[in-house]
Amino acid sequence: MARSATEKPMIRHLALTKARTNLGEVVERVHRNKEYVILEKGGLPVAAMMDIDEFEDYLELHDPEVEEHVRTSSEEFGVGESRAAGELVRELRDQVREQEEPATK
């Protein structure tokens, strides 16, 4: 169940000992419901859990190369140097067809 862009994620705080006892259930809720779980030891937050898809997105966004692509794209969009997605898809399909034509002849 993916949450919408405007929906705030559910954040739960859980003692590390309780998480360890119920690890399978906790992981399932994190994955299925896209919840965040803050793991606490002695009442202090020490770690967090999030769904792997979101974690991969997080890592990707913190990659300097990806950050540069996002910045460049935002600048291009801001000055009107963007195009409709349908146009890009058509262009990519044409390129694929062109690459496949010599192989079929």
Protein backbone atom coordinates (compact mmCIF):
# COMPACT_ATOMS: atom_id res chain seq x y z
CA MET A 1 0.00 0.00 0.00
CA ALA A 2 1.92 3.03 -1.25
CA ARG A 3 1.17 6.35 0.33
CA SER A 4 0.25 9.37 -1.72
CA ALA A 5 2.64 12.30 -2.13
CA THR A 6 0.60 14.41 0.31
CA GLU A 7 0.10 11.70 2.92
CA LYS A 8 2.50 11.84 5.86
CA PRO A 9 4.29 8.59 6.68
CA MET A 10 3.40 6.78 9.88
CA ILE A 11 6.31 7.01 12.31
CA ARG A 12 6.40 4.50 15.14
CA HIS A 13 8.81 4.37 18.05
CA LEU A 14 9.70 0.91 19.23
CA ALA A 15 12.03 -0.44 21.89
CA LEU A 16 14.86 -2.43 20.37
CA THR A 17 14.04 -5.46 22.53
CA LYS A 18 10.42 -5.45 21.35
CA ALA A 19 11.52 -5.03 17.73
CA ARG A 20 13.91 -7.96 18.08
CA THR A 21 11.12 -10.18 19.45
CA ASN A 22 8.71 -9.16 16.65
CA LEU A 23 11.20 -8.51 13.86
CA GLY A 24 9.25 -10.30 11.10
CA GLU A 25 6.06 -8.41 11.90
CA VAL A 26 7.88 -5.07 12.15
CA VAL A 27 9.64 -5.58 8.83
CA GLU A 28 6.36 -6.59 7.17
CA ARG A 29 4.64 -3.40 8.38
CA VAL A 30 7.55 -1.26 7.23
CA HIS A 31 7.45 -2.87 3.80
CA ARG A 32 3.69 -3.23 3.30
CA ASN A 33 2.53 0.04 4.90
CA LYS A 34 5.60 2.14 4.07
CA GLU A 35 5.94 3.02 7.75
CA TYR A 36 9.05 4.30 9.45
CA VAL A 37 10.15 2.70 12.70
CA ILE A 38 12.46 4.48 15.10
CA LEU A 39 14.29 1.89 17.20
CA GLU A 40 15.08 2.98 20.74
CA LYS A 41 17.52 1.65 23.29
CA GLY A 42 16.97 2.86 26.82
CA GLY A 43 14.40 5.32 25.50
CA LEU A 44 16.90 6.95 23.11
CA PRO A 45 16.57 6.69 19.31
CA VAL A 46 19.50 4.69 17.88
CA ALA A 47 18.37 3.51 14.44
CA ALA A 48 15.52 3.67 11.97
CA MET A 49 13.83 1.31 9.53
CA MET A 50 12.30 2.19 6.17
CA ASP A 51 11.17 0.26 3.11
CA ILE A 52 14.02 -0.79 0.80
CA ASP A 53 12.56 1.00 -2.26
CA GLU A 54 12.52 4.29 -0.39
CA PHE A 55 15.99 3.64 1.01
CA GLU A 56 17.35 3.05 -2.50
CA ASP A 57 15.73 6.32 -3.62
CA TYR A 58 17.31 8.05 -0.63
CA LEU A 59 20.77 6.71 -1.51
CA GLU A 60 20.34 7.65 -5.15
CA LEU A 61 19.35 11.20 -4.28
CA HIS A 62 22.45 11.58 -2.14
CA ASP A 63 24.70 10.54 -5.01
CA PRO A 64 26.49 13.69 -6.23
CA GLU A 65 26.02 12.64 -9.87
CA VAL A 66 22.26 12.25 -9.38
CA GLU A 67 22.10 15.56 -7.51
CA GLU A 68 23.76 17.25 -10.50
CA HIS A 69 21.24 15.69 -12.93
CA VAL A 70 18.33 16.87 -10.76
CA ARG A 71 19.80 20.40 -10.53
CA THR A 72 20.42 20.60 -14.28
CA SER A 73 16.95 19.26 -15.08
CA SER A 74 15.33 21.75 -12.73
CA GLU A 75 17.21 24.62 -14.35
CA GLU A 76 16.25 23.46 -17.85
CA PHE A 77 12.61 23.12 -16.82
CA GLY A 78 12.70 26.59 -15.24
CA VAL A 79 13.76 28.23 -18.51
CA GLY A 80 11.34 26.24 -20.65
CA GLU A 81 13.82 23.73 -22.05
CA SER A 82 11.59 20.76 -21.36
CA ARG A 83 9.28 18.71 -23.54
CA ALA A 84 6.28 16.50 -23.12
CA ALA A 85 6.91 12.93 -22.02
CA GLY A 86 5.00 11.60 -25.04
CA GLU A 87 7.42 13.39 -27.35
CA LEU A 88 10.40 11.80 -25.62
CA VAL A 89 8.82 8.35 -25.75
CA ARG A 90 8.17 8.71 -29.49
CA GLU A 91 11.78 9.81 -30.05
CA LEU A 92 13.12 6.85 -28.08
CA ARG A 93 10.89 4.40 -29.96
CA ASP A 94 12.12 5.84 -33.28
CA GLN A 95 15.72 5.38 -32.14
CA VAL A 96 15.06 1.75 -31.19
CA ARG A 97 13.40 1.09 -34.56
CA GLU A 98 16.37 2.63 -36.38
CA GLN A 99 18.79 0.43 -34.44
CA GLU A 100 16.72 -2.70 -35.14
CA GLU A 101 16.23 -2.09 -38.90
CA PRO A 102 19.76 -3.02 -40.06
CA ALA A 103 19.59 -6.24 -38.02
CA THR A 104 16.37 -7.33 -39.73
CA LYS A 105 17.55 -6.63 -43.29
